[in-house]
């Protein structure tokens, strides 16, 4: 009975996590609408979107039943995230207006694709149990998940320097904080260190962004 209740609670948290994660992935949409209207990326950085893409790619691998069973919510939301990030990065690539930046974006995308392809091939050829696969892929997921949550650090530095939050979207910061919090709770039922650790760190980064936003919002307005 207790196990059934735990599974039900876990499923409910997973649904909430999927909704919030979807909001996180879509939160930059107003920014990209402005980019399309102005036909310029201005001072926005592609780093958060490139970091989110590689994060989604490795988490899709982790969520596969052959790697880590019973993690369908992780698979579905990150698969959706890949589609969304590809759209955002494509828009950024078209309107960035700087050939050097376009080359950097293309190079990073190529590197991410090759990395995930090689990782997938190695995992399925050299490791033959879900325990082995979930361990190796889980460690890599931890690294990239922390990178995703830490990717706005460059923007946070700009906020402190300029005393303006113009290029640090509030909804992106809020969604990142809530997303990290919900997935941390999900990872405790039962405990999954590969989900809990990076999302716990993500809570700290998200909270730092919100504090920074509150500190400099008035000066921007």
C-alpha atoms as a PDB file:
ATOM      1  CA  UNK A   1       0.000   0.000   0.000  1.00  0.00           C
ATOM      2  CA  UNK A   2       2.794   2.389   0.960  1.00  0.00           C
ATOM      3  CA  UNK A   3       4.622   1.513  -2.265  1.00  0.00           C
ATOM      4  CA  UNK A   4       1.501   2.233  -4.338  1.00  0.00           C
ATOM      5  CA  UNK A   5       1.056   5.617  -2.646  1.00  0.00           C
ATOM      6  CA  UNK A   6       4.719   6.440  -3.243  1.00  0.00           C
ATOM      7  CA  UNK A   7       4.387   5.585  -6.945  1.00  0.00           C
ATOM      8  CA  UNK A   8       1.224   7.689  -7.207  1.00  0.00           C
ATOM      9  CA  UNK A   9       2.939  10.648  -5.528  1.00  0.00           C
ATOM     10  CA  UNK A  10       5.983  10.193  -7.759  1.00  0.00           C
ATOM     11  CA  UNK A  11       3.782  10.182 -10.872  1.00  0.00           C
ATOM     12  CA  UNK A  12       1.981  13.342  -9.747  1.00  0.00           C
ATOM     13  CA  UNK A  13       5.297  15.098  -9.078  1.00  0.00           C
ATOM     14  CA  UNK A  14       6.542  13.903 -12.477  1.00  0.00           C
ATOM     15  CA  UNK A  15       3.511  15.439 -14.209  1.00  0.00           C
ATOM     16  CA  UNK A  16       4.071  18.725 -12.365  1.00  0.00           C
ATOM     17  CA  UNK A  17       7.765  18.508 -13.255  1.00  0.00           C
ATOM     18  CA  UNK A  18       6.937  17.986 -16.930  1.00  0.00           C
ATOM     19  CA  UNK A  19       4.629  21.005 -16.975  1.00  0.00           C
ATOM     20  CA  UNK A  20       7.166  23.262 -15.257  1.00  0.00           C
ATOM     21  CA  UNK A  21      10.019  21.955 -17.418  1.00  0.00           C
ATOM     22  CA  UNK A  22       7.930  22.713 -20.513  1.00  0.00           C
ATOM     23  CA  UNK A  23       7.401  26.234 -19.177  1.00  0.00           C
ATOM     24  CA  UNK A  24      11.178  26.462 -18.634  1.00  0.00           C
ATOM     25  CA  UNK A  25      11.888  25.417 -22.204  1.00  0.00           C
ATOM     26  CA  UNK A  26       9.288  27.843 -23.578  1.00  0.00           C
ATOM     27  CA  UNK A  27      10.072  30.773 -21.242  1.00  0.00           C
ATOM     28  CA  UNK A  28      12.558  32.382 -23.689  1.00  0.00           C
ATOM     29  CA  UNK A  29       9.810  32.540 -26.360  1.00  0.00           C
ATOM     30  CA  UNK A  30       9.067  36.283 -25.763  1.00  0.00           C
ATOM     31  CA  UNK A  31      12.778  36.999 -26.141  1.00  0.00           C
ATOM     32  CA  UNK A  32      12.900  35.190 -29.484  1.00  0.00           C
ATOM     33  CA  UNK A  33       9.755  36.936 -30.674  1.00  0.00           C
ATOM     34  CA  UNK A  34      11.576  40.228 -30.059  1.00  0.00           C
ATOM     35  CA  UNK A  35      14.663  38.905 -31.842  1.00  0.00           C
ATOM     36  CA  UNK A  36      12.570  38.078 -34.906  1.00  0.00           C
ATOM     37  CA  UNK A  37      10.818  41.466 -34.821  1.00  0.00           C
ATOM     38  CA  UNK A  38      14.089  43.399 -34.448  1.00  0.00           C
ATOM     39  CA  UNK A  39      16.004  40.985 -36.715  1.00  0.00           C
ATOM     40  CA  UNK A  40      18.830  41.130 -34.187  1.00  0.00           C
ATOM     41  CA  UNK A  41      19.982  39.098 -31.175  1.00  0.00           C
ATOM     42  CA  UNK A  42      21.419  42.289 -29.582  1.00  0.00           C
ATOM     43  CA  UNK A  43      23.399  41.309 -26.458  1.00  0.00           C
ATOM     44  CA  UNK A  44      21.643  37.995 -25.858  1.00  0.00           C
ATOM     45  CA  UNK A  45      23.869  34.952 -25.527  1.00  0.00           C
ATOM     46  CA  UNK A  46      23.315  31.569 -27.256  1.00  0.00           C
ATOM     47  CA  UNK A  47      25.151  29.752 -24.448  1.00  0.00           C
ATOM     48  CA  UNK A  48      22.057  28.926 -22.297  1.00  0.00           C
ATOM     49  CA  UNK A  49      20.272  27.366 -25.295  1.00  0.00           C
ATOM     50  CA  UNK A  50      23.279  25.348 -26.437  1.00  0.00           C
ATOM     51  CA  UNK A  51      23.791  24.155 -22.860  1.00  0.00           C
ATOM     52  CA  UNK A  52      20.123  23.201 -22.561  1.00  0.00           C
ATOM     53  CA  UNK A  53      20.265  21.267 -25.833  1.00  0.00           C
ATOM     54  CA  UNK A  54      23.178  19.031 -24.808  1.00  0.00           C
ATOM     55  CA  UNK A  55      21.528  18.597 -21.416  1.00  0.00           C
ATOM     56  CA  UNK A  56      18.306  17.375 -23.059  1.00  0.00           C
ATOM     57  CA  UNK A  57      20.203  15.057 -25.397  1.00  0.00           C
ATOM     58  CA  UNK A  58      22.010  13.191 -22.616  1.00  0.00           C
ATOM     59  CA  UNK A  59      18.868  13.038 -20.451  1.00  0.00           C
ATOM     60  CA  UNK A  60      16.933  11.452 -23.319  1.00  0.00           C
ATOM     61  CA  UNK A  61      19.635   8.786 -23.409  1.00  0.00           C
ATOM     62  CA  UNK A  62      19.372   8.351 -19.616  1.00  0.00           C
ATOM     63  CA  UNK A  63      15.569   8.055 -19.809  1.00  0.00           C
ATOM     64  CA  UNK A  64      15.617   5.187 -22.317  1.00  0.00           C
ATOM     65  CA  UNK A  65      14.269   1.913 -20.789  1.00  0.00           C
ATOM     66  CA  UNK A  66      17.465   0.148 -21.893  1.00  0.00           C
ATOM     67  CA  UNK A  67      19.511   2.595 -19.804  1.00  0.00           C
ATOM     68  CA  UNK A  68      17.363   3.504 -16.794  1.00  0.00           C
ATOM     69  CA  UNK A  69      13.954   1.805 -16.573  1.00  0.00           C
ATOM     70  CA  UNK A  70      10.841   3.549 -15.196  1.00  0.00           C
ATOM     71  CA  UNK A  71      11.949   7.071 -16.103  1.00  0.00           C
ATOM     72  CA  UNK A  72       9.504   7.811 -18.912  1.00  0.00           C
ATOM     73  CA  UNK A  73       8.805  11.408 -17.687  1.00  0.00           C
ATOM     74  CA  UNK A  74      12.518  12.185 -18.047  1.00  0.00           C
ATOM     75  CA  UNK A  75      12.496  10.822 -21.605  1.00  0.00           C
ATOM     76  CA  UNK A  76       9.362  12.617 -22.796  1.00  0.00           C
ATOM     77  CA  UNK A  77      10.068  16.100 -21.448  1.00  0.00           C
ATOM     78  CA  UNK A  78      13.677  16.148 -22.629  1.00  0.00           C
ATOM     79  CA  UNK A  79      12.641  14.890 -26.062  1.00  0.00           C
ATOM     80  CA  UNK A  80      10.270  17.853 -26.232  1.00  0.00           C
ATOM     81  CA  UNK A  81      13.060  20.112 -24.988  1.00  0.00           C
ATOM     82  CA  UNK A  82      15.319  19.059 -27.871  1.00  0.00           C
ATOM     83  CA  UNK A  83      12.733  20.191 -30.427  1.00  0.00           C
ATOM     84  CA  UNK A  84      12.194  23.535 -28.686  1.00  0.00           C
ATOM     85  CA  UNK A  85      15.910  24.287 -28.298  1.00  0.00           C
ATOM     86  CA  UNK A  86      16.615  23.437 -31.944  1.00  0.00           C
ATOM     87  CA  UNK A  87      13.981  25.997 -32.967  1.00  0.00           C
ATOM     88  CA  UNK A  88      15.445  28.674 -30.648  1.00  0.00           C
ATOM     89  CA  UNK A  89      19.027  28.037 -31.754  1.00  0.00           C
ATOM     90  CA  UNK A  90      17.995  28.162 -35.408  1.00  0.00           C
ATOM     91  CA  UNK A  91      16.370  31.577 -34.864  1.00  0.00           C
ATOM     92  CA  UNK A  92      19.462  32.791 -33.014  1.00  0.00           C
ATOM     93  CA  UNK A  93      21.709  31.515 -35.821  1.00  0.00           C
ATOM     94  CA  UNK A  94      19.685  33.335 -38.477  1.00  0.00           C
ATOM     95  CA  UNK A  95      19.520  36.709 -36.692  1.00  0.00           C
ATOM     96  CA  UNK A  96      22.836  36.880 -34.808  1.00  0.00           C
ATOM     97  CA  UNK A  97      24.349  38.988 -37.614  1.00  0.00           C
ATOM     98  CA  UNK A  98      27.901  37.917 -36.830  1.00  0.00           C
ATOM     99  CA  UNK A  99      29.603  35.324 -38.996  1.00  0.00           C
ATOM    100  CA  UNK A 100      32.096  34.449 -36.254  1.00  0.00           C
ATOM    101  CA  UNK A 101      29.273  33.748 -33.777  1.00  0.00           C
ATOM    102  CA  UNK A 102      27.493  31.612 -36.365  1.00  0.00           C
ATOM    103  CA  UNK A 103      30.627  29.538 -36.845  1.00  0.00           C
ATOM    104  CA  UNK A 104      30.911  29.073 -33.077  1.00  0.00           C
ATOM    105  CA  UNK A 105      27.257  27.972 -32.819  1.00  0.00           C
ATOM    106  CA  UNK A 106      27.709  25.531 -35.724  1.00  0.00           C
ATOM    107  CA  UNK A 107      30.897  24.122 -34.201  1.00  0.00           C
ATOM    108  CA  UNK A 108      29.261  23.627 -30.788  1.00  0.00           C
ATOM    109  CA  UNK A 109      26.240  21.925 -32.359  1.00  0.00           C
ATOM    110  CA  UNK A 110      28.501  19.590 -34.328  1.00  0.00           C
ATOM    111  CA  UNK A 111      30.541  18.769 -31.215  1.00  0.00           C
ATOM    112  CA  UNK A 112      27.382  18.064 -29.187  1.00  0.00           C
ATOM    113  CA  UNK A 113      25.988  15.773 -31.888  1.00  0.00           C
ATOM    114  CA  UNK A 114      29.235  13.804 -32.217  1.00  0.00           C
ATOM    115  CA  UNK A 115      29.599  13.536 -28.440  1.00  0.00           C
ATOM    116  CA  UNK A 116      26.102  12.104 -27.916  1.00  0.00           C
ATOM    117  CA  UNK A 117      26.473   9.726 -30.876  1.00  0.00           C
ATOM    118  CA  UNK A 118      29.791   8.370 -29.564  1.00  0.00           C
ATOM    119  CA  UNK A 119      28.440   8.131 -26.011  1.00  0.00           C
ATOM    120  CA  UNK A 120      25.378   6.192 -27.199  1.00  0.00           C
ATOM    121  CA  UNK A 121      27.512   3.782 -29.232  1.00  0.00           C
ATOM    122  CA  UNK A 122      29.902   3.143 -26.345  1.00  0.00           C
ATOM    123  CA  UNK A 123      27.124   2.650 -23.789  1.00  0.00           C
ATOM    124  CA  UNK A 124      25.260   0.084 -25.866  1.00  0.00           C
ATOM    125  CA  UNK A 125      28.318  -1.815 -27.083  1.00  0.00           C
ATOM    126  CA  UNK A 126      30.522  -1.893 -23.984  1.00  0.00           C
ATOM    127  CA  UNK A 127      27.920  -2.031 -21.194  1.00  0.00           C
ATOM    128  CA  UNK A 128      25.315  -4.764 -21.001  1.00  0.00           C
ATOM    129  CA  UNK A 129      23.191  -4.038 -17.910  1.00  0.00           C
ATOM    130  CA  UNK A 130      20.942  -1.121 -17.014  1.00  0.00           C
ATOM    131  CA  UNK A 131      22.902  -0.660 -13.793  1.00  0.00           C
ATOM    132  CA  UNK A 132      26.152  -0.086 -15.678  1.00  0.00           C
ATOM    133  CA  UNK A 133      24.511   2.125 -18.307  1.00  0.00           C
ATOM    134  CA  UNK A 134      22.560   4.259 -15.830  1.00  0.00           C
ATOM    135  CA  UNK A 135      25.723   4.811 -13.773  1.00  0.00           C
ATOM    136  CA  UNK A 136      27.908   6.025 -16.648  1.00  0.00           C
ATOM    137  CA  UNK A 137      25.207   8.055 -18.401  1.00  0.00           C
ATOM    138  CA  UNK A 138      23.918   9.374 -15.065  1.00  0.00           C
ATOM    139  CA  UNK A 139      27.311  10.835 -14.151  1.00  0.00           C
ATOM    140  CA  UNK A 140      27.509  12.608 -17.512  1.00  0.00           C
ATOM    141  CA  UNK A 141      23.935  13.871 -17.089  1.00  0.00           C
ATOM    142  CA  UNK A 142      24.913  15.352 -13.719  1.00  0.00           C
ATOM    143  CA  UNK A 143      27.749  17.302 -15.317  1.00  0.00           C
ATOM    144  CA  UNK A 144      25.674  18.690 -18.185  1.00  0.00           C
ATOM    145  CA  UNK A 145      22.677  19.449 -15.980  1.00  0.00           C
ATOM    146  CA  UNK A 146      24.850  21.563 -13.681  1.00  0.00           C
ATOM    147  CA  UNK A 147      26.304  23.256 -16.783  1.00  0.00           C
ATOM    148  CA  UNK A 148      22.791  24.101 -17.962  1.00  0.00           C
ATOM    149  CA  UNK A 149      21.829  25.650 -14.645  1.00  0.00           C
ATOM    150  CA  UNK A 150      25.171  27.479 -14.445  1.00  0.00           C
ATOM    151  CA  UNK A 151      25.079  28.733 -18.052  1.00  0.00           C
ATOM    152  CA  UNK A 152      23.399  32.073 -17.102  1.00  0.00           C
ATOM    153  CA  UNK A 153      26.430  32.960 -14.933  1.00  0.00           C
ATOM    154  CA  UNK A 154      27.842  35.065 -17.773  1.00  0.00           C
ATOM    155  CA  UNK A 155      24.543  36.936 -17.960  1.00  0.00           C
ATOM    156  CA  UNK A 156      24.504  37.357 -14.171  1.00  0.00           C
ATOM    157  CA  UNK A 157      27.979  38.910 -14.405  1.00  0.00           C
ATOM    158  CA  UNK A 158      26.641  41.359 -17.003  1.00  0.00           C
ATOM    159  CA  UNK A 159      23.703  42.216 -14.716  1.00  0.00           C
ATOM    160  CA  UNK A 160      26.055  43.073 -11.849  1.00  0.00           C
ATOM    161  CA  UNK A 161      28.333  45.069 -14.163  1.00  0.00           C
ATOM    162  CA  UNK A 162      25.575  47.070 -15.907  1.00  0.00           C
ATOM    163  CA  UNK A 163      23.116  47.087 -12.976  1.00  0.00           C
ATOM    164  CA  UNK A 164      20.431  46.110 -15.471  1.00  0.00           C
ATOM    165  CA  UNK A 165      18.365  42.913 -15.833  1.00  0.00           C
ATOM    166  CA  UNK A 166      17.361  43.699 -19.431  1.00  0.00           C
ATOM    167  CA  UNK A 167      19.131  40.635 -20.806  1.00  0.00           C
ATOM    168  CA  UNK A 168      18.245  38.229 -17.971  1.00  0.00           C
ATOM    169  CA  UNK A 169      14.591  37.240 -18.582  1.00  0.00           C
ATOM    170  CA  UNK A 170      12.679  36.943 -15.294  1.00  0.00           C
ATOM    171  CA  UNK A 171      10.456  34.070 -16.426  1.00  0.00           C
ATOM    172  CA  UNK A 172      13.461  32.020 -17.496  1.00  0.00           C
ATOM    173  CA  UNK A 173      15.042  32.475 -14.054  1.00  0.00           C
ATOM    174  CA  UNK A 174      11.795  31.644 -12.227  1.00  0.00           C
ATOM    175  CA  UNK A 175      11.086  28.586 -14.369  1.00  0.00           C
ATOM    176  CA  UNK A 176      14.647  27.308 -13.825  1.00  0.00           C
ATOM    177  CA  UNK A 177      14.262  27.630 -10.057  1.00  0.00           C
ATOM    178  CA  UNK A 178      10.860  25.901  -9.938  1.00  0.00           C
ATOM    179  CA  UNK A 179      11.968  23.191 -12.366  1.00  0.00           C
ATOM    180  CA  UNK A 180      15.032  22.343 -10.279  1.00  0.00           C
ATOM    181  CA  UNK A 181      12.943  22.230  -7.112  1.00  0.00           C
ATOM    182  CA  UNK A 182      10.284  19.873  -8.460  1.00  0.00           C
ATOM    183  CA  UNK A 183      12.784  17.458 -10.029  1.00  0.00           C
ATOM    184  CA  UNK A 184      14.744  17.390  -6.778  1.00  0.00           C
ATOM    185  CA  UNK A 185      11.572  16.212  -5.023  1.00  0.00           C
ATOM    186  CA  UNK A 186      10.959  13.658  -7.813  1.00  0.00           C
ATOM    187  CA  UNK A 187      14.481  12.299  -7.347  1.00  0.00           C
ATOM    188  CA  UNK A 188      13.767  11.491  -3.698  1.00  0.00           C
ATOM    189  CA  UNK A 189      10.993   8.971  -4.550  1.00  0.00           C
ATOM    190  CA  UNK A 190      12.996   6.718  -4.636  1.00  0.00           C
ATOM    191  CA  UNK A 191      16.367   8.417  -4.341  1.00  0.00           C
ATOM    192  CA  UNK A 192      18.130   8.973  -7.661  1.00  0.00           C
ATOM    193  CA  UNK A 193      21.405  10.825  -7.066  1.00  0.00           C
ATOM    194  CA  UNK A 194      21.859  11.596 -10.766  1.00  0.00           C
ATOM    195  CA  UNK A 195      18.654  13.650 -10.780  1.00  0.00           C
ATOM    196  CA  UNK A 196      18.794  14.939  -7.192  1.00  0.00           C
ATOM    197  CA  UNK A 197      22.344  16.352  -7.115  1.00  0.00           C
ATOM    198  CA  UNK A 198      22.295  18.557 -10.252  1.00  0.00           C
ATOM    199  CA  UNK A 199      18.764  19.789  -9.605  1.00  0.00           C
ATOM    200  CA  UNK A 200      19.638  20.610  -5.991  1.00  0.00           C
ATOM    201  CA  UNK A 201      22.515  22.713  -7.316  1.00  0.00           C
ATOM    202  CA  UNK A 202      20.114  24.169  -9.888  1.00  0.00           C
ATOM    203  CA  UNK A 203      17.887  25.395  -7.050  1.00  0.00           C
ATOM    204  CA  UNK A 204      20.809  27.413  -5.694  1.00  0.00           C
ATOM    205  CA  UNK A 205      21.640  28.926  -9.110  1.00  0.00           C
ATOM    206  CA  UNK A 206      17.972  29.711  -9.778  1.00  0.00           C
ATOM    207  CA  UNK A 207      17.543  31.383  -6.406  1.00  0.00           C
ATOM    208  CA  UNK A 208      20.692  33.452  -7.022  1.00  0.00           C
ATOM    209  CA  UNK A 209      19.232  34.709 -10.319  1.00  0.00           C
ATOM    210  CA  UNK A 210      15.940  35.664  -8.669  1.00  0.00           C
ATOM    211  CA  UNK A 211      17.763  37.534  -5.891  1.00  0.00           C
ATOM    212  CA  UNK A 212      19.847  39.351  -8.499  1.00  0.00           C
ATOM    213  CA  UNK A 213      16.700  40.214 -10.469  1.00  0.00           C
ATOM    214  CA  UNK A 214      15.013  41.612  -7.356  1.00  0.00           C
ATOM    215  CA  UNK A 215      18.130  43.649  -6.568  1.00  0.00           C
ATOM    216  CA  UNK A 216      18.450  45.350  -9.978  1.00  0.00           C
ATOM    217  CA  UNK A 217      14.881  45.346 -11.323  1.00  0.00           C
ATOM    218  CA  UNK A 218      14.131  48.888 -10.130  1.00  0.00           C
ATOM    219  CA  UNK A 219      17.288  50.334 -11.675  1.00  0.00           C
ATOM    220  CA  UNK A 220      16.347  48.747 -15.026  1.00  0.00           C
ATOM    221  CA  UNK A 221      12.804  50.064 -14.863  1.00  0.00           C
END
